[in-house]
Amino acid sequence: MVPETGSGLMRQIGVNQFVGDHPAIIESLQEIHIEIDKHKQHEQDKFNKLTPVGKFFNLLNKIIKRPLKFGQNNNECELYQYKEYTFMELEPVKELTGVPSCSEFMVDLNIIYTIDSQRSNGFGRQAMDILTKTCEKSGAVLVLFCNPFGIGKYGQPYAIVEPKEFVQNWYDDDYETVYLPKYEADITKFFYRQRGMVNLCLYDDWVYDRDKEDDLPVDRQFAYLPENLEGKYKDQLEDRLNIELCKYCNR
């Protein structure tokens, strides 16, 4: 059967060879595009219903590798791996006095660690930039303590030179956290401020169970506040941004 050519949409150029658009093909393609648009809108509607924290992890899961994603649900934290060499441990903030909705809009960066053999190559900076951009897209607040650390094992300094070492030993209790001198913290504070982070008190009632000298000063407690942070959430952070009146910082 030879397709109709009178419409001018399709013409024969050889045996069973035609060029141009057949009306049935055009209609099928239109239906496909309509279904694609419906699917995109459905996904967007689902995304719009998420909390800022839900949006943050939804976006991040699409762009950064999770090396333990098949066994990670048993852990409270999510482990992410950027460009093989930088690891980040993230989780929602579950509870914070005076911030009743913290689990909806606050994400805690527990760890950001670039393996020793790849330091000073910009991987940590690039990873942080991805996190802050994800905050802007999701409306979530990223918080962290600036407390630079290294890895030790059996009481001795230990250098991690291969990414698989970090992943394999993420749960290994033999690894110890070795906190670095104050000058490392001064350098790291500058790094976070360059990323647009501000000081915000992250302490809670648990600080009263220890000595004041064990506290990190507030200039080593940081938050990234996105431009699109909803007013109802920003209001909950007002007391913690007002450092001079913060009861935890001034105890």
Protein backbone atom coordinates (compact mmCIF):
# COMPACT_ATOMS: atom_id res chain seq x y z
CA MET A 1 0.00 0.00 0.00
CA VAL A 2 1.37 3.41 -0.93
CA PRO A 3 0.77 6.30 1.52
CA GLU A 4 -1.30 9.20 0.26
CA THR A 5 0.83 11.91 -1.28
CA GLY A 6 -1.83 14.38 -2.29
CA SER A 7 -1.60 16.22 0.99
CA GLY A 8 1.99 17.18 0.28
CA LEU A 9 3.13 15.81 3.63
CA MET A 10 4.81 12.68 2.22
CA ARG A 11 6.30 11.83 -1.16
CA GLN A 12 7.82 8.71 -2.68
CA ILE A 13 11.52 8.82 -3.54
CA GLY A 14 12.05 5.13 -4.40
CA VAL A 15 10.68 1.63 -3.97
CA ASN A 16 9.08 1.57 -0.52
CA GLN A 17 11.00 4.75 0.30
CA PHE A 18 9.21 7.91 1.37
CA VAL A 19 10.12 11.25 2.90
CA GLY A 20 7.92 13.68 4.79
CA ASP A 21 5.46 13.36 7.65
CA HIS A 22 2.51 11.01 7.53
CA PRO A 23 -0.56 12.30 9.42
CA ALA A 24 -0.75 9.11 11.51
CA ILE A 25 2.90 9.47 12.52
CA ILE A 26 2.38 13.12 13.45
CA GLU A 27 -0.62 12.19 15.59
CA SER A 28 1.31 9.40 17.33
CA LEU A 29 4.22 11.72 18.10
CA GLN A 30 1.83 14.33 19.49
CA GLU A 31 0.27 11.71 21.77
CA ILE A 32 3.72 10.63 22.96
CA HIS A 33 4.65 14.24 23.78
CA ILE A 34 1.37 14.71 25.65
CA GLU A 35 2.08 11.63 27.77
CA ILE A 36 5.64 12.81 28.43
CA ASP A 37 4.33 16.21 29.53
CA LYS A 38 1.78 14.53 31.81
CA HIS A 39 4.52 12.44 33.42
CA LYS A 40 6.75 15.48 33.90
CA GLN A 41 3.90 17.42 35.48
CA HIS A 42 3.06 14.48 37.75
CA GLU A 43 6.68 14.27 38.92
CA GLN A 44 6.79 18.04 39.46
CA ASP A 45 3.58 17.93 41.48
CA LYS A 46 5.04 15.18 43.68
CA PHE A 47 8.23 17.21 44.14
CA ASN A 48 6.31 20.36 45.04
CA LYS A 49 4.55 18.52 47.87
CA LEU A 50 7.83 17.53 49.54
CA THR A 51 9.27 19.39 52.50
CA PRO A 52 12.49 21.37 51.86
CA VAL A 53 14.46 18.47 53.37
CA GLY A 54 12.64 16.01 51.10
CA LYS A 55 13.41 18.17 48.08
CA PHE A 56 17.05 18.48 49.14
CA PHE A 57 17.64 14.73 49.27
CA ASN A 58 15.50 14.13 46.17
CA LEU A 59 17.72 16.48 44.16
CA LEU A 60 21.00 15.34 45.69
CA ASN A 61 20.26 11.66 45.04
CA LYS A 62 20.10 12.43 41.32
CA ILE A 63 23.51 14.08 41.05
CA ILE A 64 25.82 12.54 43.69
CA LYS A 65 26.71 8.89 44.14
CA ARG A 66 25.61 6.98 47.26
CA PRO A 67 28.16 4.16 47.63
CA LEU A 68 26.11 2.32 50.26
CA LYS A 69 22.63 3.04 48.98
CA PHE A 70 21.55 -0.62 48.95
CA GLY A 71 22.37 -1.11 52.62
CA GLN A 72 22.08 2.39 53.89
CA ASN A 73 18.54 2.38 55.23
CA ASN A 74 19.74 0.79 58.46
CA ASN A 75 21.87 3.84 59.15
CA GLU A 76 20.44 7.17 60.25
CA CYS A 77 22.83 9.06 57.96
CA GLU A 78 23.19 9.15 54.20
CA LEU A 79 26.73 8.72 52.85
CA TYR A 80 27.50 10.53 49.59
CA GLN A 81 30.61 10.30 47.43
CA TYR A 82 31.60 13.18 45.16
CA LYS A 83 34.03 12.51 42.28
CA GLU A 84 35.29 9.41 44.10
CA TYR A 85 37.45 11.34 46.56
CA THR A 86 35.16 13.41 48.81
CA PHE A 87 32.65 11.87 51.22
CA MET A 88 29.74 13.59 52.93
CA GLU A 89 27.52 12.30 55.70
CA LEU A 90 24.15 14.03 55.78
CA GLU A 91 20.92 13.66 57.72
CA PRO A 92 17.86 15.74 58.64
CA VAL A 93 18.07 17.65 61.91
CA LYS A 94 15.69 15.67 64.08
CA GLU A 95 15.30 17.94 67.09
CA LEU A 96 16.34 21.47 68.05
CA THR A 97 14.85 23.44 70.93
CA GLY A 98 12.78 26.37 69.71
CA VAL A 99 12.77 25.07 66.13
CA PRO A 100 9.74 22.74 66.02
CA SER A 101 9.89 22.26 62.24
CA CYS A 102 13.64 21.58 62.07
CA SER A 103 13.18 18.11 60.54
CA GLU A 104 11.26 19.71 57.66
CA PHE A 105 13.87 22.23 56.55
CA MET A 106 17.26 21.61 58.22
CA VAL A 107 19.97 19.22 56.99
CA ASP A 108 22.99 18.39 59.14
CA LEU A 109 26.34 17.93 57.37
CA ASN A 110 27.99 15.62 59.90
CA ILE A 111 31.11 14.92 57.84
CA ILE A 112 32.81 16.23 54.75
CA TYR A 113 36.08 14.40 54.15
CA THR A 114 38.44 14.33 51.17
CA ILE A 115 40.84 11.41 51.25
CA ASP A 116 44.40 12.36 52.13
CA SER A 117 45.91 11.64 48.71
CA GLN A 118 43.56 14.11 46.98
CA ARG A 119 43.66 17.14 49.27
CA SER A 120 44.09 20.64 47.78
CA ASN A 121 42.58 19.61 44.43
CA GLY A 122 39.30 21.48 44.98
CA PHE A 123 37.06 18.46 45.51
CA GLY A 124 35.82 19.65 48.91
CA ARG A 125 35.03 23.11 47.54
CA GLN A 126 33.16 21.66 44.59
CA ALA A 127 31.17 19.35 46.85
CA MET A 128 30.21 22.22 49.16
CA ASP A 129 29.13 24.31 46.19
CA ILE A 130 26.81 21.49 45.08
CA LEU A 131 25.30 21.34 48.58
CA THR A 132 24.64 25.09 48.73
CA LYS A 133 23.15 25.10 45.23
CA THR A 134 20.89 22.24 46.28
CA CYS A 135 19.81 24.33 49.27
CA GLU A 136 18.85 27.14 46.91
CA LYS A 137 16.80 24.78 44.75
CA SER A 138 15.07 23.07 47.68
CA GLY A 139 14.74 25.83 50.27
CA ALA A 140 16.54 23.70 52.88
CA VAL A 141 19.04 25.02 55.44
CA LEU A 142 22.42 23.25 55.69
CA VAL A 143 24.08 23.29 59.12
CA LEU A 144 27.44 22.06 60.42
CA PHE A 145 30.02 22.30 63.17
CA CYS A 146 33.43 23.48 62.00
CA ASN A 147 35.66 20.98 63.77
CA PRO A 148 38.40 19.77 61.36
CA PHE A 149 39.50 16.21 61.93
CA GLY A 150 41.78 13.48 60.68
CA ILE A 151 41.63 9.71 60.88
CA GLY A 152 43.54 7.59 63.36
CA LYS A 153 43.69 3.85 63.94
CA TYR A 154 44.90 1.98 67.02
CA GLY A 155 46.08 5.25 68.52
CA GLN A 156 48.22 6.21 65.51
CA PRO A 157 47.65 8.67 62.64
CA TYR A 158 46.26 6.90 59.60
CA ALA A 159 46.10 8.20 56.02
CA ILE A 160 43.29 7.11 53.72
CA VAL A 161 44.64 7.08 50.18
CA GLU A 162 41.97 5.05 48.35
CA PRO A 163 38.23 5.87 48.28
CA LYS A 164 37.28 2.24 48.90
CA GLU A 165 39.07 2.40 52.27
CA PHE A 166 36.67 5.04 53.51
CA VAL A 167 33.60 3.19 52.25
CA GLN A 168 34.72 -0.19 53.60
CA ASN A 169 35.50 1.23 57.01
CA TRP A 170 32.59 3.62 57.43
CA TYR A 171 31.20 1.42 60.22
CA ASP A 172 34.60 0.33 61.58
CA ASP A 173 34.97 1.25 65.26
CA ASP A 174 38.75 0.79 64.99
CA TYR A 175 38.94 4.13 63.22
CA GLU A 176 39.32 7.10 65.53
CA THR A 177 38.58 10.78 65.04
CA VAL A 178 41.62 12.96 65.59
CA TYR A 179 40.67 16.64 65.90
CA LEU A 180 43.15 19.03 64.35
CA PRO A 181 44.71 22.17 65.91
CA LYS A 182 42.85 25.47 66.13
CA TYR A 183 44.68 27.02 63.18
CA GLU A 184 43.07 24.36 60.97
CA ALA A 185 39.68 25.54 62.22
CA ASP A 186 40.54 29.17 61.37
CA ILE A 187 41.32 28.15 57.78
CA THR A 188 38.16 26.06 57.55
CA LYS A 189 35.98 28.86 58.95
CA PHE A 190 37.19 31.09 56.12
CA PHE A 191 36.35 28.31 53.65
CA TYR A 192 32.74 28.08 54.92
CA ARG A 193 32.27 31.85 54.93
CA GLN A 194 33.40 31.92 51.30
CA ARG A 195 30.54 29.51 50.57
CA GLY A 196 28.06 32.09 51.98
CA MET A 197 27.52 30.41 55.36
CA VAL A 198 26.70 32.38 58.52
CA ASN A 199 27.07 31.67 62.22
CA LEU A 200 24.03 30.12 63.90
CA CYS A 201 23.90 28.42 67.30
CA LEU A 202 23.42 24.65 66.95
CA TYR A 203 23.63 23.75 70.62
CA ASP A 204 20.76 22.41 72.68
CA ASP A 205 19.98 21.46 76.26
CA TRP A 206 22.52 18.63 76.15
CA VAL A 207 25.36 21.16 76.49
CA TYR A 208 24.41 21.62 80.15
CA ASP A 209 25.63 18.08 80.80
CA ARG A 210 29.25 19.06 80.18
CA ASP A 211 31.78 21.77 80.99
CA LYS A 212 31.57 25.08 79.19
CA GLU A 213 35.17 24.78 77.97
CA ASP A 214 34.19 21.74 75.93
CA ASP A 215 31.87 23.85 73.78
CA LEU A 216 32.82 24.97 70.31
CA PRO A 217 32.54 28.77 70.02
CA VAL A 218 29.63 30.00 67.95
CA ASP A 219 31.97 31.22 65.22
CA ARG A 220 32.56 27.53 64.49
CA GLN A 221 28.85 26.76 64.09
CA PHE A 222 27.51 27.45 60.61
CA ALA A 223 24.34 27.50 58.53
CA TYR A 224 23.64 28.14 54.89
CA LEU A 225 20.37 30.06 54.55
CA PRO A 226 18.98 29.94 51.00
CA GLU A 227 17.42 33.01 49.44
CA ASN A 228 14.07 31.21 49.14
CA LEU A 229 13.91 30.10 52.80
CA GLU A 230 10.26 30.33 53.81
CA GLY A 231 9.41 32.97 56.38
CA LYS A 232 7.75 30.46 58.71
CA TYR A 233 11.06 28.60 58.93
CA LYS A 234 13.32 31.64 59.14
CA ASP A 235 11.29 32.96 62.08
CA GLN A 236 12.13 29.80 64.02
CA LEU A 237 15.86 30.52 63.63
CA GLU A 238 15.70 34.13 64.80
CA ASP A 239 16.84 33.44 68.38
CA ARG A 240 19.71 31.25 67.21
CA LEU A 241 20.91 33.87 64.75
CA ASN A 242 20.86 36.50 67.50
CA ILE A 243 24.11 35.31 69.06
CA GLU A 244 24.29 38.03 71.73
CA LEU A 245 21.03 36.83 73.28
CA CYS A 246 21.47 33.09 72.69
CA LYS A 247 21.17 31.23 76.01
CA TYR A 248 23.43 28.40 74.87
CA CYS A 249 26.21 30.60 73.55
CA ASN A 250 26.18 32.82 76.64
CA ARG A 251 25.77 30.28 79.39
